[in-house]
Amino acid sequence: MRVLIVDDEPLVRAGLRLVLDPARGIEIVGEAADGPAGVRAVRRLAPDVVLMDVRMPGGDGIEAVRAIRAAGLACRVVMLTAFDTDEFVLEALRAGADGFLLKSEDPDLIEQAVLGTEDGAAMMSAAALQRLVGLATLPAVPLGAPSGVTVREWDVARLVALGRSNAEISAALHLSLATVKTHLGSLFAKLGLDNRVQLAILVLDREPRA
């Protein structure tokens, strides 16, 4: 798994290099100190995953994500922040980020996000999910499931928005893991989504108190 680190603090970049274990198949292919440099590095190095700081003096991570997505560059982008009250969490995810983690997270969670384990569940920390719920706008009338989505599929989606893993959803809804994965695949196809984070945002926009 080829990883690019984008952060304006050299100490943070050095710390992430120590956290990400080459023995688990992770290769740090480059570093950048601001958003524009990060976008150029993505073009040049073609990483699988970018660990992107949100706030950087030379150009923030949100604009960098927008540029990466607009250019059609194929990589996962996980946003990193030192603050669990970062008001940009929802904006970053809507810009096309695949996840959001605190820099203070357990190193194993950061590795999980890089490796893409738990079918994307590790891409959002519990604290970031709580922040996301707090930032979501409550509609005057809850919108419920989108057209074409079954009741059971929406049950799965609502649990995804609460940060539940496939195993936890399976236990809560008394479904097999294979059935949970089938429902998720159907949700992604029907709603035109790519990952669990996008699904969580959609659920929170329609039922922010799910």
C-alpha atoms as a PDB file:
ATOM      1  CA  MET A   1       0.000   0.000   0.000  1.00  0.00           C
ATOM      2  CA  ARG A   2       1.712   3.163  -1.265  1.00  0.00           C
ATOM      3  CA  VAL A   3       1.162   6.139   1.052  1.00  0.00           C
ATOM      4  CA  LEU A   4       1.733   9.873   0.649  1.00  0.00           C
ATOM      5  CA  ILE A   5       1.857  12.060   3.785  1.00  0.00           C
ATOM      6  CA  VAL A   6       0.735  15.692   3.448  1.00  0.00           C
ATOM      7  CA  ASP A   7       1.265  17.814   6.569  1.00  0.00           C
ATOM      8  CA  ASP A   8       2.978  21.135   7.228  1.00  0.00           C
ATOM      9  CA  GLU A   9       4.636  19.896  10.447  1.00  0.00           C
ATOM     10  CA  PRO A  10       7.846  17.877   9.922  1.00  0.00           C
ATOM     11  CA  LEU A  11       7.423  16.257  13.332  1.00  0.00           C
ATOM     12  CA  VAL A  12       3.975  14.926  12.392  1.00  0.00           C
ATOM     13  CA  ARG A  13       5.293  13.549   9.106  1.00  0.00           C
ATOM     14  CA  ALA A  14       8.151  11.845  10.951  1.00  0.00           C
ATOM     15  CA  GLY A  15       5.725  10.424  13.521  1.00  0.00           C
ATOM     16  CA  LEU A  16       3.475   8.959  10.829  1.00  0.00           C
ATOM     17  CA  ARG A  17       6.485   7.323   9.209  1.00  0.00           C
ATOM     18  CA  LEU A  18       7.175   5.612  12.530  1.00  0.00           C
ATOM     19  CA  VAL A  19       3.539   4.567  13.006  1.00  0.00           C
ATOM     20  CA  LEU A  20       3.051   2.986   9.575  1.00  0.00           C
ATOM     21  CA  ASP A  21       4.716  -0.415   9.619  1.00  0.00           C
ATOM     22  CA  PRO A  22       6.455  -1.597   6.415  1.00  0.00           C
ATOM     23  CA  ALA A  23       6.030  -5.168   7.708  1.00  0.00           C
ATOM     24  CA  ARG A  24       2.282  -4.794   7.105  1.00  0.00           C
ATOM     25  CA  GLY A  25       2.846  -3.917   3.470  1.00  0.00           C
ATOM     26  CA  ILE A  26       2.885  -0.122   3.813  1.00  0.00           C
ATOM     27  CA  GLU A  27       5.370   1.937   1.797  1.00  0.00           C
ATOM     28  CA  ILE A  28       5.755   5.700   2.338  1.00  0.00           C
ATOM     29  CA  VAL A  29       6.387   6.971  -1.182  1.00  0.00           C
ATOM     30  CA  GLY A  30       6.600  10.689  -0.418  1.00  0.00           C
ATOM     31  CA  GLU A  31       5.781  13.729   1.692  1.00  0.00           C
ATOM     32  CA  ALA A  32       4.427  17.221   1.033  1.00  0.00           C
ATOM     33  CA  ALA A  33       4.084  20.271   3.288  1.00  0.00           C
ATOM     34  CA  ASP A  34       0.885  21.848   1.909  1.00  0.00           C
ATOM     35  CA  GLY A  35      -2.157  21.160  -0.239  1.00  0.00           C
ATOM     36  CA  PRO A  36      -0.885  22.273  -3.661  1.00  0.00           C
ATOM     37  CA  ALA A  37       2.363  20.353  -3.175  1.00  0.00           C
ATOM     38  CA  GLY A  38       0.296  17.363  -2.118  1.00  0.00           C
ATOM     39  CA  VAL A  39      -1.744  17.454  -5.330  1.00  0.00           C
ATOM     40  CA  ARG A  40       1.439  17.632  -7.404  1.00  0.00           C
ATOM     41  CA  ALA A  41       2.859  14.680  -5.458  1.00  0.00           C
ATOM     42  CA  VAL A  42      -0.292  12.645  -6.080  1.00  0.00           C
ATOM     43  CA  ARG A  43       0.075  13.250  -9.812  1.00  0.00           C
ATOM     44  CA  ARG A  44       3.766  12.323  -9.752  1.00  0.00           C
ATOM     45  CA  LEU A  45       3.767   9.394  -7.331  1.00  0.00           C
ATOM     46  CA  ALA A  46       0.317   7.817  -7.827  1.00  0.00           C
ATOM     47  CA  PRO A  47      -0.126   6.721  -4.180  1.00  0.00           C
ATOM     48  CA  ASP A  48      -2.883   4.364  -3.082  1.00  0.00           C
ATOM     49  CA  VAL A  49      -3.634   6.409   0.050  1.00  0.00           C
ATOM     50  CA  VAL A  50      -3.020  10.029   1.026  1.00  0.00           C
ATOM     51  CA  LEU A  51      -2.919  11.056   4.683  1.00  0.00           C
ATOM     52  CA  MET A  52      -3.898  14.724   4.408  1.00  0.00           C
ATOM     53  CA  ASP A  53      -3.788  17.394   7.111  1.00  0.00           C
ATOM     54  CA  VAL A  54      -6.862  19.642   7.142  1.00  0.00           C
ATOM     55  CA  ARG A  55      -5.243  22.964   8.022  1.00  0.00           C
ATOM     56  CA  MET A  56      -1.973  23.976   6.357  1.00  0.00           C
ATOM     57  CA  PRO A  57      -0.704  27.547   5.880  1.00  0.00           C
ATOM     58  CA  GLY A  58       0.452  26.959   2.307  1.00  0.00           C
ATOM     59  CA  GLY A  59      -2.907  25.593   1.117  1.00  0.00           C
ATOM     60  CA  ASP A  60      -5.482  23.598   3.063  1.00  0.00           C
ATOM     61  CA  GLY A  61      -6.299  19.943   2.669  1.00  0.00           C
ATOM     62  CA  ILE A  62      -9.925  20.471   1.660  1.00  0.00           C
ATOM     63  CA  GLU A  63      -9.005  22.357  -1.504  1.00  0.00           C
ATOM     64  CA  ALA A  64      -6.393  19.691  -2.194  1.00  0.00           C
ATOM     65  CA  VAL A  65      -9.032  16.950  -1.988  1.00  0.00           C
ATOM     66  CA  ARG A  66     -11.274  18.886  -4.365  1.00  0.00           C
ATOM     67  CA  ALA A  67      -8.382  19.216  -6.821  1.00  0.00           C
ATOM     68  CA  ILE A  68      -7.548  15.509  -6.554  1.00  0.00           C
ATOM     69  CA  ARG A  69     -11.154  14.502  -7.212  1.00  0.00           C
ATOM     70  CA  ALA A  70     -11.612  17.043 -10.019  1.00  0.00           C
ATOM     71  CA  ALA A  71      -8.535  15.628 -11.745  1.00  0.00           C
ATOM     72  CA  GLY A  72      -9.889  12.096 -11.451  1.00  0.00           C
ATOM     73  CA  LEU A  73      -6.804  10.893  -9.587  1.00  0.00           C
ATOM     74  CA  ALA A  74      -7.378   7.420  -8.156  1.00  0.00           C
ATOM     75  CA  CYS A  75      -6.406   7.345  -4.480  1.00  0.00           C
ATOM     76  CA  ARG A  76      -8.086   7.205  -1.115  1.00  0.00           C
ATOM     77  CA  VAL A  77      -7.727  10.358   0.994  1.00  0.00           C
ATOM     78  CA  VAL A  78      -7.898  10.206   4.771  1.00  0.00           C
ATOM     79  CA  MET A  79      -8.007  13.603   6.474  1.00  0.00           C
ATOM     80  CA  LEU A  80      -6.040  14.112   9.685  1.00  0.00           C
ATOM     81  CA  THR A  81      -6.599  16.796  12.319  1.00  0.00           C
ATOM     82  CA  ALA A  82      -5.343  17.555  15.800  1.00  0.00           C
ATOM     83  CA  PHE A  83      -8.789  18.776  16.888  1.00  0.00           C
ATOM     84  CA  ASP A  84     -11.951  16.750  17.469  1.00  0.00           C
ATOM     85  CA  THR A  85     -13.940  19.985  17.129  1.00  0.00           C
ATOM     86  CA  ASP A  86     -12.690  20.780  13.636  1.00  0.00           C
ATOM     87  CA  GLU A  87     -15.554  22.574  11.904  1.00  0.00           C
ATOM     88  CA  PHE A  88     -14.270  21.447   8.518  1.00  0.00           C
ATOM     89  CA  VAL A  89     -14.942  17.729   9.008  1.00  0.00           C
ATOM     90  CA  LEU A  90     -18.206  17.710   7.038  1.00  0.00           C
ATOM     91  CA  GLU A  91     -16.825  20.016   4.330  1.00  0.00           C
ATOM     92  CA  ALA A  92     -13.785  17.774   3.916  1.00  0.00           C
ATOM     93  CA  LEU A  93     -15.895  14.642   3.509  1.00  0.00           C
ATOM     94  CA  ARG A  94     -18.241  16.334   1.071  1.00  0.00           C
ATOM     95  CA  ALA A  95     -15.215  17.479  -0.921  1.00  0.00           C
ATOM     96  CA  GLY A  96     -14.434  13.816  -1.531  1.00  0.00           C
ATOM     97  CA  ALA A  97     -12.329  12.651   1.393  1.00  0.00           C
ATOM     98  CA  ASP A  98     -12.718   8.966   2.237  1.00  0.00           C
ATOM     99  CA  GLY A  99     -12.237   9.305   5.977  1.00  0.00           C
ATOM    100  CA  PHE A 100     -11.380  11.536   8.902  1.00  0.00           C
ATOM    101  CA  LEU A 101      -9.095  10.679  11.821  1.00  0.00           C
ATOM    102  CA  LEU A 102      -7.596  12.504  14.764  1.00  0.00           C
ATOM    103  CA  LYS A 103      -3.812  12.651  14.944  1.00  0.00           C
ATOM    104  CA  SER A 104      -4.130  11.424  18.522  1.00  0.00           C
ATOM    105  CA  GLU A 105      -5.761   8.148  17.444  1.00  0.00           C
ATOM    106  CA  ASP A 106      -4.293   4.791  18.353  1.00  0.00           C
ATOM    107  CA  PRO A 107      -1.618   4.034  15.734  1.00  0.00           C
ATOM    108  CA  ASP A 108      -3.400   0.797  14.877  1.00  0.00           C
ATOM    109  CA  LEU A 109      -6.499   2.716  13.743  1.00  0.00           C
ATOM    110  CA  ILE A 110      -4.392   4.864  11.419  1.00  0.00           C
ATOM    111  CA  GLU A 111      -2.844   1.697   9.980  1.00  0.00           C
ATOM    112  CA  GLN A 112      -6.317   0.181   9.540  1.00  0.00           C
ATOM    113  CA  ALA A 113      -7.437   3.274   7.632  1.00  0.00           C
ATOM    114  CA  VAL A 114      -4.415   3.012   5.343  1.00  0.00           C
ATOM    115  CA  LEU A 115      -4.930  -0.696   4.759  1.00  0.00           C
ATOM    116  CA  GLY A 116      -8.674  -0.286   4.230  1.00  0.00           C
ATOM    117  CA  THR A 117      -9.704  -2.920   6.760  1.00  0.00           C
ATOM    118  CA  GLU A 118     -13.221  -3.447   8.127  1.00  0.00           C
ATOM    119  CA  ASP A 119     -14.672  -2.537   4.715  1.00  0.00           C
ATOM    120  CA  GLY A 120     -13.989   1.134   5.342  1.00  0.00           C
ATOM    121  CA  ALA A 121     -15.285   1.247   8.922  1.00  0.00           C
ATOM    122  CA  ALA A 122     -11.854   2.249  10.215  1.00  0.00           C
ATOM    123  CA  MET A 123     -11.805   5.335   7.991  1.00  0.00           C
ATOM    124  CA  MET A 124     -13.732   7.347  10.602  1.00  0.00           C
ATOM    125  CA  SER A 125     -12.746   7.609  14.251  1.00  0.00           C
ATOM    126  CA  ALA A 126     -15.517   7.498  16.862  1.00  0.00           C
ATOM    127  CA  ALA A 127     -14.786  11.112  17.837  1.00  0.00           C
ATOM    128  CA  ALA A 128     -14.984  12.255  14.216  1.00  0.00           C
ATOM    129  CA  LEU A 129     -18.306  10.449  13.757  1.00  0.00           C
ATOM    130  CA  GLN A 130     -19.730  12.199  16.808  1.00  0.00           C
ATOM    131  CA  ARG A 131     -18.537  15.502  15.378  1.00  0.00           C
ATOM    132  CA  LEU A 132     -20.159  14.650  12.056  1.00  0.00           C
ATOM    133  CA  VAL A 133     -23.493  13.986  13.770  1.00  0.00           C
ATOM    134  CA  GLY A 134     -23.228  17.333  15.547  1.00  0.00           C
ATOM    135  CA  LEU A 135     -22.529  19.205  12.308  1.00  0.00           C
ATOM    136  CA  ALA A 136     -25.310  17.643  10.270  1.00  0.00           C
ATOM    137  CA  THR A 137     -28.288  19.910   9.583  1.00  0.00           C
ATOM    138  CA  LEU A 138     -31.593  18.631  10.937  1.00  0.00           C
ATOM    139  CA  PRO A 139     -34.257  18.859   8.199  1.00  0.00           C
ATOM    140  CA  ALA A 140     -37.630  20.323   9.156  1.00  0.00           C
ATOM    141  CA  VAL A 141     -39.147  16.939   8.333  1.00  0.00           C
ATOM    142  CA  PRO A 142     -36.928  13.814   8.396  1.00  0.00           C
ATOM    143  CA  LEU A 143     -36.637  12.563   4.818  1.00  0.00           C
ATOM    144  CA  GLY A 144     -36.137   8.891   5.566  1.00  0.00           C
ATOM    145  CA  ALA A 145     -34.922   6.368   3.015  1.00  0.00           C
ATOM    146  CA  PRO A 146     -34.348   7.565  -0.563  1.00  0.00           C
ATOM    147  CA  SER A 147     -36.624   6.222  -3.275  1.00  0.00           C
ATOM    148  CA  GLY A 148     -35.791   2.667  -4.265  1.00  0.00           C
ATOM    149  CA  VAL A 149     -34.006   1.804  -1.005  1.00  0.00           C
ATOM    150  CA  THR A 150     -35.654  -0.962   1.004  1.00  0.00           C
ATOM    151  CA  VAL A 151     -36.431  -0.720   4.706  1.00  0.00           C
ATOM    152  CA  ARG A 152     -33.774  -3.306   5.538  1.00  0.00           C
ATOM    153  CA  GLU A 153     -31.155  -1.572   3.401  1.00  0.00           C
ATOM    154  CA  TRP A 154     -31.893   1.684   5.216  1.00  0.00           C
ATOM    155  CA  ASP A 155     -31.556  -0.080   8.564  1.00  0.00           C
ATOM    156  CA  VAL A 156     -28.055  -1.075   7.483  1.00  0.00           C
ATOM    157  CA  ALA A 157     -27.307   2.453   6.265  1.00  0.00           C
ATOM    158  CA  ARG A 158     -28.381   4.002   9.573  1.00  0.00           C
ATOM    159  CA  LEU A 159     -26.025   1.707  11.476  1.00  0.00           C
ATOM    160  CA  VAL A 160     -23.194   2.605   9.101  1.00  0.00           C
ATOM    161  CA  ALA A 161     -23.846   6.256  10.011  1.00  0.00           C
ATOM    162  CA  LEU A 162     -23.345   5.321  13.659  1.00  0.00           C
ATOM    163  CA  GLY A 163     -19.921   3.901  12.835  1.00  0.00           C
ATOM    164  CA  ARG A 164     -20.855   0.240  13.189  1.00  0.00           C
ATOM    165  CA  SER A 165     -18.699  -2.404  11.515  1.00  0.00           C
ATOM    166  CA  ASN A 166     -20.185  -5.139   9.334  1.00  0.00           C
ATOM    167  CA  ALA A 167     -19.930  -7.594  12.223  1.00  0.00           C
ATOM    168  CA  GLU A 168     -21.780  -5.215  14.555  1.00  0.00           C
ATOM    169  CA  ILE A 169     -24.488  -4.587  11.955  1.00  0.00           C
ATOM    170  CA  SER A 170     -24.827  -8.327  11.452  1.00  0.00           C
ATOM    171  CA  ALA A 171     -25.373  -8.870  15.178  1.00  0.00           C
ATOM    172  CA  ALA A 172     -27.740  -5.910  15.625  1.00  0.00           C
ATOM    173  CA  LEU A 173     -30.006  -6.834  12.711  1.00  0.00           C
ATOM    174  CA  HIS A 174     -29.628 -10.635  12.996  1.00  0.00           C
ATOM    175  CA  LEU A 175     -28.270 -10.873   9.462  1.00  0.00           C
ATOM    176  CA  SER A 176     -25.376 -12.876   8.093  1.00  0.00           C
ATOM    177  CA  LEU A 177     -22.203 -10.999   7.175  1.00  0.00           C
ATOM    178  CA  ALA A 178     -22.784 -11.939   3.543  1.00  0.00           C
ATOM    179  CA  THR A 179     -26.265 -10.368   3.666  1.00  0.00           C
ATOM    180  CA  VAL A 180     -24.904  -7.178   5.233  1.00  0.00           C
ATOM    181  CA  LYS A 181     -22.318  -6.916   2.444  1.00  0.00           C
ATOM    182  CA  THR A 182     -25.039  -7.530  -0.149  1.00  0.00           C
ATOM    183  CA  HIS A 183     -27.155  -4.719   1.312  1.00  0.00           C
ATOM    184  CA  LEU A 184     -24.152  -2.375   1.325  1.00  0.00           C
ATOM    185  CA  GLY A 185     -23.343  -3.183  -2.284  1.00  0.00           C
ATOM    186  CA  SER A 186     -26.961  -2.526  -3.228  1.00  0.00           C
ATOM    187  CA  LEU A 187     -26.953   0.801  -1.351  1.00  0.00           C
ATOM    188  CA  PHE A 188     -23.774   1.961  -3.088  1.00  0.00           C
ATOM    189  CA  ALA A 189     -25.183   1.005  -6.498  1.00  0.00           C
ATOM    190  CA  LYS A 190     -28.628   2.562  -5.968  1.00  0.00           C
ATOM    191  CA  LEU A 191     -27.308   5.786  -4.443  1.00  0.00           C
ATOM    192  CA  GLY A 192     -24.244   6.226  -6.646  1.00  0.00           C
ATOM    193  CA  LEU A 193     -21.830   6.130  -3.696  1.00  0.00           C
ATOM    194  CA  ASP A 194     -18.291   4.794  -3.424  1.00  0.00           C
ATOM    195  CA  ASN A 195     -17.779   4.170   0.298  1.00  0.00           C
ATOM    196  CA  ARG A 196     -19.260   4.023   3.791  1.00  0.00           C
ATOM    197  CA  VAL A 197     -18.318   7.600   4.633  1.00  0.00           C
ATOM    198  CA  GLN A 198     -20.390   8.952   1.757  1.00  0.00           C
ATOM    199  CA  LEU A 199     -23.264   6.726   2.881  1.00  0.00           C
ATOM    200  CA  ALA A 200     -22.976   8.039   6.454  1.00  0.00           C
ATOM    201  CA  ILE A 201     -23.128  11.645   5.219  1.00  0.00           C
ATOM    202  CA  LEU A 202     -26.244  10.901   3.167  1.00  0.00           C
ATOM    203  CA  VAL A 203     -27.969   9.264   6.142  1.00  0.00           C
ATOM    204  CA  LEU A 204     -27.056  12.146   8.449  1.00  0.00           C
ATOM    205  CA  ASP A 205     -28.351  14.669   5.918  1.00  0.00           C
ATOM    206  CA  ARG A 206     -31.687  12.851   5.840  1.00  0.00           C
ATOM    207  CA  GLU A 207     -31.832  11.628   9.435  1.00  0.00           C
ATOM    208  CA  PRO A 208     -29.061  13.434  11.358  1.00  0.00           C
ATOM    209  CA  ARG A 209     -30.136  11.871  14.635  1.00  0.00           C
ATOM    210  CA  ALA A 210     -29.981   8.314  13.344  1.00  0.00           C
END
